[in-house]
Amino acid sequence: MDQTTEDRALMGFAAGVIFGGLLGALATLWLAPQSGKKTQQLIHRQALRMQQAAEDAVETIKEGADQASNDVRDKVNAVRKEGRGWMKQRADAADNISARIRDSVAL
């Protein structure tokens, strides 16, 4: 699974957690058999749980984004290093060719 697919899956999971929490809270309100005070307390506890779940999901997403950023940075640096090596090889080859041409012309 590539990084983009993992990011989408993580975002979908986070959205599902948040949406599921909201649906749970609505179902609790709709089906509440207890008094208004108890329902308020239940809603408050559920809201705190949802807040914590959302904060956890955001933290997980941030960590994933940081890791993806580091991976991209490492890959860019590797490509840059490889490109510099390739350019040095081409420059050395060009120097060798020009030296042979100079040597053959000097004869």
N, C-alpha and C. Protein backbone atom coordinates (compact mmCIF):
# COMPACT_ATOMS: atom_id res chain seq x y z
N MET A 1 0.86 -1.17 0.00
CA MET A 1 0.00 0.00 0.00
C MET A 1 0.91 1.23 0.00
N ASP A 2 0.68 2.13 -0.94
CA ASP A 2 1.52 3.33 -0.99
C ASP A 2 1.07 4.35 0.05
N GLN A 3 1.88 5.38 0.23
CA GLN A 3 1.64 6.37 1.28
C GLN A 3 0.32 7.11 1.08
N THR A 4 -0.03 7.43 -0.16
CA THR A 4 -1.28 8.14 -0.44
C THR A 4 -2.48 7.30 -0.02
N THR A 5 -2.45 6.02 -0.33
CA THR A 5 -3.54 5.13 0.05
C THR A 5 -3.63 5.02 1.57
N GLU A 6 -2.48 4.95 2.24
CA GLU A 6 -2.48 4.89 3.71
C GLU A 6 -3.04 6.17 4.30
N ASP A 7 -2.68 7.31 3.72
CA ASP A 7 -3.20 8.59 4.20
C ASP A 7 -4.71 8.64 4.05
N ARG A 8 -5.21 8.20 2.91
CA ARG A 8 -6.66 8.20 2.68
C ARG A 8 -7.36 7.26 3.66
N ALA A 9 -6.77 6.11 3.91
CA ALA A 9 -7.36 5.16 4.84
C ALA A 9 -7.40 5.75 6.25
N LEU A 10 -6.33 6.42 6.64
CA LEU A 10 -6.27 7.04 7.96
C LEU A 10 -7.30 8.16 8.08
N MET A 11 -7.42 8.98 7.06
CA MET A 11 -8.41 10.05 7.08
C MET A 11 -9.83 9.47 7.13
N GLY A 12 -10.07 8.40 6.39
CA GLY A 12 -11.38 7.75 6.41
C GLY A 12 -11.69 7.19 7.79
N PHE A 13 -10.68 6.59 8.42
CA PHE A 13 -10.87 6.06 9.76
C PHE A 13 -11.22 7.18 10.74
N ALA A 14 -10.46 8.29 10.68
CA ALA A 14 -10.71 9.42 11.58
C ALA A 14 -12.11 9.97 11.36
N ALA A 15 -12.51 10.11 10.11
CA ALA A 15 -13.85 10.60 9.81
C ALA A 15 -14.90 9.63 10.34
N GLY A 16 -14.65 8.35 10.22
CA GLY A 16 -15.58 7.35 10.74
C GLY A 16 -15.72 7.41 12.24
N VAL A 17 -14.59 7.63 12.94
CA VAL A 17 -14.64 7.75 14.40
C VAL A 17 -15.49 8.95 14.80
N ILE A 18 -15.25 10.07 14.17
CA ILE A 18 -15.99 11.29 14.50
C ILE A 18 -17.47 11.12 14.15
N PHE A 19 -17.75 10.63 12.96
CA PHE A 19 -19.14 10.44 12.53
C PHE A 19 -19.85 9.43 13.42
N GLY A 20 -19.16 8.35 13.74
CA GLY A 20 -19.75 7.34 14.62
C GLY A 20 -20.06 7.90 16.00
N GLY A 21 -19.16 8.73 16.51
CA GLY A 21 -19.41 9.36 17.81
C GLY A 21 -20.62 10.26 17.78
N LEU A 22 -20.75 11.02 16.71
CA LEU A 22 -21.92 11.88 16.58
C LEU A 22 -23.21 11.08 16.50
N LEU A 23 -23.18 10.01 15.71
CA LEU A 23 -24.37 9.16 15.60
C LEU A 23 -24.70 8.53 16.95
N GLY A 24 -23.69 8.11 17.69
CA GLY A 24 -23.91 7.54 19.00
C GLY A 24 -24.53 8.54 19.95
N ALA A 25 -24.05 9.77 19.90
CA ALA A 25 -24.61 10.81 20.76
C ALA A 25 -26.06 11.09 20.40
N LEU A 26 -26.36 11.16 19.11
CA LEU A 26 -27.75 11.39 18.68
C LEU A 26 -28.66 10.23 19.09
N ALA A 27 -28.17 9.02 18.94
CA ALA A 27 -28.97 7.86 19.33
C ALA A 27 -29.22 7.87 20.83
N THR A 28 -28.22 8.28 21.59
CA THR A 28 -28.38 8.37 23.05
C THR A 28 -29.47 9.37 23.40
N LEU A 29 -29.45 10.51 22.76
CA LEU A 29 -30.49 11.52 23.02
C LEU A 29 -31.87 10.99 22.64
N TRP A 30 -31.95 10.37 21.50
CA TRP A 30 -33.23 9.92 20.98
C TRP A 30 -33.84 8.81 21.85
N LEU A 31 -32.98 7.92 22.31
CA LEU A 31 -33.48 6.74 23.02
C LEU A 31 -33.31 6.82 24.54
N ALA A 32 -32.97 7.98 25.05
CA ALA A 32 -32.67 8.13 26.48
C ALA A 32 -33.89 7.83 27.35
N PRO A 33 -33.79 6.82 28.24
CA PRO A 33 -34.91 6.50 29.12
C PRO A 33 -34.82 7.21 30.48
N GLN A 34 -33.75 7.93 30.74
CA GLN A 34 -33.56 8.55 32.05
C GLN A 34 -33.96 10.02 32.05
N SER A 35 -33.78 10.64 33.21
CA SER A 35 -34.18 12.04 33.39
C SER A 35 -33.28 12.98 32.58
N GLY A 36 -33.74 14.23 32.51
CA GLY A 36 -32.98 15.24 31.77
C GLY A 36 -31.59 15.46 32.35
N LYS A 37 -31.44 15.47 33.68
CA LYS A 37 -30.14 15.69 34.33
C LYS A 37 -29.19 14.54 34.01
N LYS A 38 -29.70 13.32 34.10
CA LYS A 38 -28.87 12.15 33.77
C LYS A 38 -28.49 12.17 32.29
N THR A 39 -29.41 12.57 31.47
CA THR A 39 -29.13 12.65 30.04
C THR A 39 -28.06 13.70 29.77
N GLN A 40 -28.13 14.82 30.45
CA GLN A 40 -27.11 15.86 30.29
C GLN A 40 -25.74 15.33 30.71
N GLN A 41 -25.69 14.61 31.81
CA GLN A 41 -24.43 14.04 32.27
C GLN A 41 -23.90 13.03 31.26
N LEU A 42 -24.78 12.21 30.75
CA LEU A 42 -24.40 11.22 29.75
C LEU A 42 -23.87 11.89 28.48
N ILE A 43 -24.57 12.93 28.06
CA ILE A 43 -24.13 13.67 26.87
C ILE A 43 -22.76 14.30 27.12
N HIS A 44 -22.58 14.84 28.31
CA HIS A 44 -21.29 15.47 28.64
C HIS A 44 -20.16 14.43 28.59
N ARG A 45 -20.40 13.27 29.19
CA ARG A 45 -19.37 12.21 29.16
C ARG A 45 -19.10 11.75 27.73
N GLN A 46 -20.17 11.59 26.98
CA GLN A 46 -20.01 11.17 25.58
C GLN A 46 -19.25 12.23 24.78
N ALA A 47 -19.54 13.49 25.01
CA ALA A 47 -18.84 14.57 24.30
C ALA A 47 -17.36 14.56 24.66
N LEU A 48 -17.04 14.31 25.92
CA LEU A 48 -15.63 14.23 26.32
C LEU A 48 -14.93 13.06 25.64
N ARG A 49 -15.63 11.92 25.56
CA ARG A 49 -15.05 10.76 24.87
C ARG A 49 -14.83 11.06 23.38
N MET A 50 -15.83 11.72 22.78
CA MET A 50 -15.70 12.08 21.36
C MET A 50 -14.55 13.05 21.16
N GLN A 51 -14.42 14.01 22.06
CA GLN A 51 -13.33 14.98 21.96
C GLN A 51 -11.99 14.27 22.04
N GLN A 52 -11.87 13.34 22.99
CA GLN A 52 -10.63 12.59 23.13
C GLN A 52 -10.34 11.76 21.88
N ALA A 53 -11.38 11.11 21.36
CA ALA A 53 -11.21 10.31 20.14
C ALA A 53 -10.77 11.18 18.98
N ALA A 54 -11.37 12.37 18.85
CA ALA A 54 -10.99 13.28 17.77
C ALA A 54 -9.55 13.76 17.96
N GLU A 55 -9.17 14.08 19.19
CA GLU A 55 -7.79 14.52 19.45
C GLU A 55 -6.81 13.40 19.13
N ASP A 56 -7.16 12.17 19.51
CA ASP A 56 -6.30 11.03 19.20
C ASP A 56 -6.16 10.84 17.69
N ALA A 57 -7.29 10.97 16.98
CA ALA A 57 -7.26 10.81 15.53
C ALA A 57 -6.41 11.90 14.89
N VAL A 58 -6.54 13.13 15.36
CA VAL A 58 -5.75 14.24 14.82
C VAL A 58 -4.27 13.99 15.08
N GLU A 59 -3.94 13.52 16.27
CA GLU A 59 -2.54 13.23 16.61
C GLU A 59 -1.98 12.13 15.70
N THR A 60 -2.79 11.10 15.47
CA THR A 60 -2.36 10.02 14.59
C THR A 60 -2.13 10.54 13.17
N ILE A 61 -3.02 11.39 12.71
CA ILE A 61 -2.87 11.96 11.37
C ILE A 61 -1.62 12.83 11.29
N LYS A 62 -1.38 13.63 12.34
CA LYS A 62 -0.19 14.48 12.36
C LYS A 62 1.07 13.63 12.31
N GLU A 63 1.09 12.55 13.11
CA GLU A 63 2.25 11.67 13.11
C GLU A 63 2.46 11.05 11.74
N GLY A 64 1.37 10.63 11.10
CA GLY A 64 1.47 10.07 9.76
C GLY A 64 1.98 11.09 8.76
N ALA A 65 1.50 12.33 8.88
CA ALA A 65 1.95 13.39 7.97
C ALA A 65 3.43 13.70 8.20
N ASP A 66 3.84 13.73 9.46
CA ASP A 66 5.26 13.97 9.76
C ASP A 66 6.12 12.86 9.17
N GLN A 67 5.68 11.62 9.32
CA GLN A 67 6.44 10.49 8.79
C GLN A 67 6.50 10.57 7.26
N ALA A 68 5.36 10.90 6.64
CA ALA A 68 5.34 11.02 5.18
C ALA A 68 6.27 12.14 4.73
N SER A 69 6.27 13.25 5.45
CA SER A 69 7.16 14.36 5.11
C SER A 69 8.62 13.94 5.22
N ASN A 70 8.95 13.23 6.28
CA ASN A 70 10.33 12.76 6.45
C ASN A 70 10.70 11.78 5.35
N ASP A 71 9.78 10.89 4.98
CA ASP A 71 10.05 9.94 3.90
C ASP A 71 10.32 10.66 2.59
N VAL A 72 9.50 11.66 2.29
CA VAL A 72 9.68 12.42 1.05
C VAL A 72 11.02 13.15 1.07
N ARG A 73 11.34 13.77 2.21
CA ARG A 73 12.62 14.49 2.33
C ARG A 73 13.79 13.53 2.09
N ASP A 74 13.72 12.33 2.70
CA ASP A 74 14.79 11.35 2.52
C ASP A 74 14.91 10.92 1.06
N LYS A 75 13.78 10.71 0.41
CA LYS A 75 13.80 10.29 -0.99
C LYS A 75 14.36 11.40 -1.88
N VAL A 76 13.97 12.64 -1.61
CA VAL A 76 14.49 13.77 -2.40
C VAL A 76 16.00 13.88 -2.23
N ASN A 77 16.47 13.74 -1.01
CA ASN A 77 17.91 13.81 -0.76
C ASN A 77 18.65 12.67 -1.46
N ALA A 78 18.06 11.46 -1.46
CA ALA A 78 18.68 10.33 -2.13
C ALA A 78 18.74 10.56 -3.64
N VAL A 79 17.66 11.08 -4.21
CA VAL A 79 17.64 11.36 -5.66
C VAL A 79 18.64 12.46 -5.99
N ARG A 80 18.70 13.48 -5.14
CA ARG A 80 19.66 14.57 -5.35
C ARG A 80 21.09 14.03 -5.33
N LYS A 81 21.40 13.18 -4.36
CA LYS A 81 22.74 12.60 -4.25
C LYS A 81 23.05 11.74 -5.48
N GLU A 82 22.07 10.94 -5.88
CA GLU A 82 22.25 10.09 -7.06
C GLU A 82 22.47 10.95 -8.31
N GLY A 83 21.71 12.04 -8.42
CA GLY A 83 21.86 12.94 -9.57
C GLY A 83 23.23 13.60 -9.60
N ARG A 84 23.73 13.99 -8.42
CA ARG A 84 25.07 14.59 -8.37
C ARG A 84 26.12 13.58 -8.79
N GLY A 85 25.95 12.33 -8.34
CA GLY A 85 26.90 11.28 -8.75
C GLY A 85 26.87 11.06 -10.25
N TRP A 86 25.67 11.03 -10.80
CA TRP A 86 25.53 10.83 -12.24
C TRP A 86 26.16 12.00 -13.01
N MET A 87 25.91 13.23 -12.53
CA MET A 87 26.49 14.40 -13.21
C MET A 87 28.02 14.38 -13.12
N LYS A 88 28.58 13.94 -11.99
CA LYS A 88 30.03 13.86 -11.86
C LYS A 88 30.59 12.82 -12.84
N GLN A 89 29.91 11.68 -12.96
CA GLN A 89 30.35 10.66 -13.92
C GLN A 89 30.33 11.22 -15.34
N ARG A 90 29.27 11.95 -15.70
CA ARG A 90 29.19 12.52 -17.05
C ARG A 90 30.29 13.57 -17.25
N ALA A 91 30.55 14.38 -16.23
CA ALA A 91 31.60 15.40 -16.34
C ALA A 91 32.96 14.74 -16.48
N ASP A 92 33.21 13.68 -15.71
CA ASP A 92 34.49 12.96 -15.81
C ASP A 92 34.63 12.33 -17.19
N ALA A 93 33.56 11.76 -17.70
CA ALA A 93 33.60 11.16 -19.04
C ALA A 93 33.87 12.23 -20.08
N ALA A 94 33.24 13.39 -19.94
CA ALA A 94 33.48 14.48 -20.89
C ALA A 94 34.93 14.97 -20.79
N ASP A 95 35.46 15.05 -19.59
CA ASP A 95 36.87 15.45 -19.42
C ASP A 95 37.80 14.45 -20.09
N ASN A 96 37.51 13.16 -19.94
CA ASN A 96 38.34 12.12 -20.57
C ASN A 96 38.30 12.22 -22.09
N ILE A 97 37.09 12.45 -22.61
CA ILE A 97 36.94 12.58 -24.06
C ILE A 97 37.69 13.81 -24.56
N SER A 98 37.53 14.93 -23.88
CA SER A 98 38.21 16.16 -24.32
C SER A 98 39.72 16.00 -24.20
N ALA A 99 40.21 15.28 -23.17
CA ALA A 99 41.65 15.05 -23.03
C ALA A 99 42.15 14.19 -24.18
N ARG A 100 41.41 13.16 -24.56
CA ARG A 100 41.83 12.32 -25.70
C ARG A 100 41.84 13.11 -26.99
N ILE A 101 40.82 13.98 -27.15
CA ILE A 101 40.76 14.81 -28.37
C ILE A 101 41.97 15.75 -28.39
N ARG A 102 42.27 16.39 -27.24
CA ARG A 102 43.43 17.29 -27.19
C ARG A 102 44.72 16.52 -27.50
N ASP A 103 44.84 15.31 -26.93
CA ASP A 103 46.04 14.51 -27.16
C ASP A 103 46.16 14.12 -28.63
N SER A 104 45.04 13.77 -29.26
CA SER A 104 45.11 13.35 -30.66
C SER A 104 45.36 14.55 -31.58
N VAL A 105 44.89 15.74 -31.20
CA VAL A 105 45.11 16.93 -32.00
C VAL A 105 46.52 17.41 -31.81
N ALA A 106 47.08 17.25 -30.63
CA ALA A 106 48.43 17.70 -30.31
C ALA A 106 49.48 16.90 -31.05
N LEU A 107 49.17 15.70 -31.49
CA LEU A 107 50.14 14.88 -32.21
C LEU A 107 50.38 15.46 -33.52
